[in-house]
Protein backbone atom coordinates (compact mmCIF):
# COMPACT_ATOMS: atom_id res chain seq x y z
CA MET A 1 -20.33 8.69 10.92
CA LYS A 2 -18.12 5.68 10.35
CA ILE A 3 -14.67 5.09 8.88
CA PHE A 4 -14.30 2.10 6.55
CA PHE A 5 -10.90 0.56 5.86
CA ILE A 6 -11.10 -1.44 2.64
CA TYR A 7 -8.20 -3.81 2.06
CA ASN A 8 -7.09 -4.79 -1.44
CA ALA A 9 -7.42 -8.44 -0.47
CA LYS A 10 -10.14 -11.06 -0.60
CA SER A 11 -11.71 -12.65 2.47
CA GLY A 12 -11.42 -16.30 3.48
CA LYS A 13 -8.83 -18.69 4.85
CA VAL A 14 -7.34 -19.70 1.50
CA ASN A 15 -6.92 -16.08 0.42
CA SER A 16 -5.40 -15.26 3.80
CA LEU A 17 -2.82 -18.05 3.39
CA LEU A 18 -2.00 -16.91 -0.15
CA ASP A 19 -1.59 -13.32 1.07
CA MET A 20 0.69 -14.48 3.88
CA ALA A 21 2.86 -16.41 1.45
CA HIS A 22 3.01 -13.45 -0.94
CA LYS A 23 4.11 -11.12 1.88
CA LEU A 24 6.89 -13.53 2.83
CA ILE A 25 8.12 -14.43 -0.66
CA SER A 26 7.74 -11.11 -2.46
CA PRO A 27 6.70 -8.31 -0.10
CA LYS A 28 7.52 -5.52 -2.58
CA THR A 29 4.95 -6.83 -5.07
CA TYR A 30 2.16 -7.33 -2.53
CA GLN A 31 -0.91 -5.45 -3.80
CA CYS A 32 -2.26 -4.09 -0.49
CA LYS A 33 -0.20 -1.35 1.15
CA LEU A 34 -2.85 -0.96 3.87
CA CYS A 35 -2.35 -4.64 4.76
CA THR A 36 1.40 -4.11 4.85
CA ILE A 37 1.04 -1.08 7.14
CA THR A 38 -1.37 -2.68 9.61
CA HIS A 39 -0.23 -6.30 9.57
CA ASP A 40 2.99 -8.25 9.76
CA ALA A 41 3.30 -11.45 7.75
CA PHE A 42 1.33 -13.50 10.28
CA SER A 43 -0.84 -11.10 12.29
CA GLU A 44 -1.90 -7.55 13.02
CA ASN A 45 1.05 -5.49 14.21
CA ALA A 46 1.03 -4.46 17.87
CA GLN A 47 1.03 -0.69 17.36
CA TRP A 48 -1.96 -0.82 15.02
CA ARG A 49 -3.84 -3.30 17.22
CA ASN A 50 -3.31 -1.06 20.25
CA PHE A 51 -4.66 1.96 18.36
CA ARG A 52 -7.64 0.04 16.97
CA GLU A 53 -8.58 -1.37 20.37
CA LYS A 54 -8.27 1.95 22.22
CA THR A 55 -9.67 4.48 19.77
CA LYS A 56 -13.23 5.67 20.13
CA LEU A 57 -13.43 6.36 16.42
CA PRO A 58 -16.07 4.23 14.67
CA LEU A 59 -13.89 1.97 12.53
CA GLU A 60 -14.92 -0.91 10.30
CA PHE A 61 -12.57 -3.18 8.36
CA LEU A 62 -13.52 -5.04 5.20
CA HIS A 63 -11.87 -7.01 2.46
CA SER A 64 -12.64 -5.76 -1.04
CA ASP A 65 -15.09 -8.61 -1.79
CA GLU A 66 -16.94 -8.06 1.51
CA PHE A 67 -17.23 -4.36 0.78
CA GLU A 68 -18.49 -4.89 -2.76
CA LYS A 69 -21.26 -7.23 -1.58
CA THR A 70 -22.83 -4.39 0.40
CA TYR A 71 -21.74 -1.29 -1.51
CA LYS A 72 -22.15 -2.08 -5.18
CA ASN A 73 -21.88 1.34 -6.80
CA ILE A 74 -18.75 2.76 -5.22
CA ASP A 75 -15.92 3.52 -7.61
CA ALA A 76 -12.75 3.42 -5.53
CA LYS A 77 -9.31 1.94 -5.98
CA TYR A 78 -8.22 -0.37 -3.18
CA PRO A 79 -6.87 -0.09 -0.62
CA VAL A 80 -8.84 2.93 0.49
CA VAL A 81 -10.28 4.48 3.63
CA LEU A 82 -13.81 5.78 3.24
CA LEU A 83 -15.90 8.05 5.42
CA GLU A 84 -19.61 7.38 5.79
CA LYS A 85 -21.47 10.55 6.71
CA ASP A 86 -25.19 11.15 6.28
CA GLN A 87 -25.48 7.72 4.62
CA LYS A 88 -23.01 8.76 1.91
CA LEU A 89 -19.52 7.32 1.35
CA THR A 90 -16.61 9.53 0.33
CA ILE A 91 -12.91 8.83 0.02
CA TRP A 92 -11.20 9.84 3.26
CA ILE A 93 -7.70 8.48 2.57
CA SER A 94 -7.08 7.57 -1.06
CA LYS A 95 -5.03 4.69 -2.41
CA SER A 96 -2.35 7.15 -3.56
CA ASP A 97 -2.16 8.64 -0.06
CA ILE A 98 -1.95 5.17 1.50
CA GLU A 99 0.91 4.31 -0.88
CA LYS A 100 2.94 7.19 0.64
CA ILE A 101 2.54 5.96 4.23
CA GLU A 102 5.54 4.02 5.54
CA ASN A 103 4.23 2.47 8.78
CA SER A 104 1.32 2.20 11.20
CA GLU A 105 2.54 5.17 13.24
CA GLU A 106 2.18 7.46 10.20
CA LEU A 107 -1.27 6.04 9.45
CA ILE A 108 -2.40 6.55 13.04
CA HIS A 109 -1.18 10.17 13.03
CA LEU A 110 -2.99 10.83 9.75
CA ILE A 111 -6.24 9.31 11.04
CA GLU A 112 -6.06 11.29 14.29
CA ALA A 113 -5.31 14.55 12.45
CA LYS A 114 -8.17 14.03 9.99
CA ALA A 115 -10.55 13.01 12.81
CA LYS A 116 -9.85 16.26 14.66
CA THR A 117 -11.23 18.19 11.69
CA MET A 118 -14.43 16.11 11.69
CA ASN A 119 -17.37 16.30 14.05
CA PHE A 120 -17.25 12.81 15.54
CA SER A 121 -19.58 12.68 18.53
CA ASN A 122 -18.88 10.95 21.86
CA LEU A 123 -15.15 10.47 21.29
CA ASP A 124 -13.91 12.07 24.52
């Protein structure tokens, strides 16, 4: 099993700079709530980075264009968190659920709660 975090942002340095500028100039209109939750204007926020580095959950992070290169037939609205189980992807945390999350602490609690209901092996 693996958990995929798909950002509603494109990969690459130019896109990263444009995203950074958008977050600074007009943060309320920025199109990726998952980016806003996990990153400050210039870098990954400390609380999220700490969780990501310490968790034993199998996490993978992709920009929407990176995801679409590999997974062509997935119909999901970004940002989204997907669960891969038995070589099948399903929505684990929907865009509408992400939109309700206020900060990385809430996201971390949601991930941990959902993970407890799953049979992730070798996490202890």
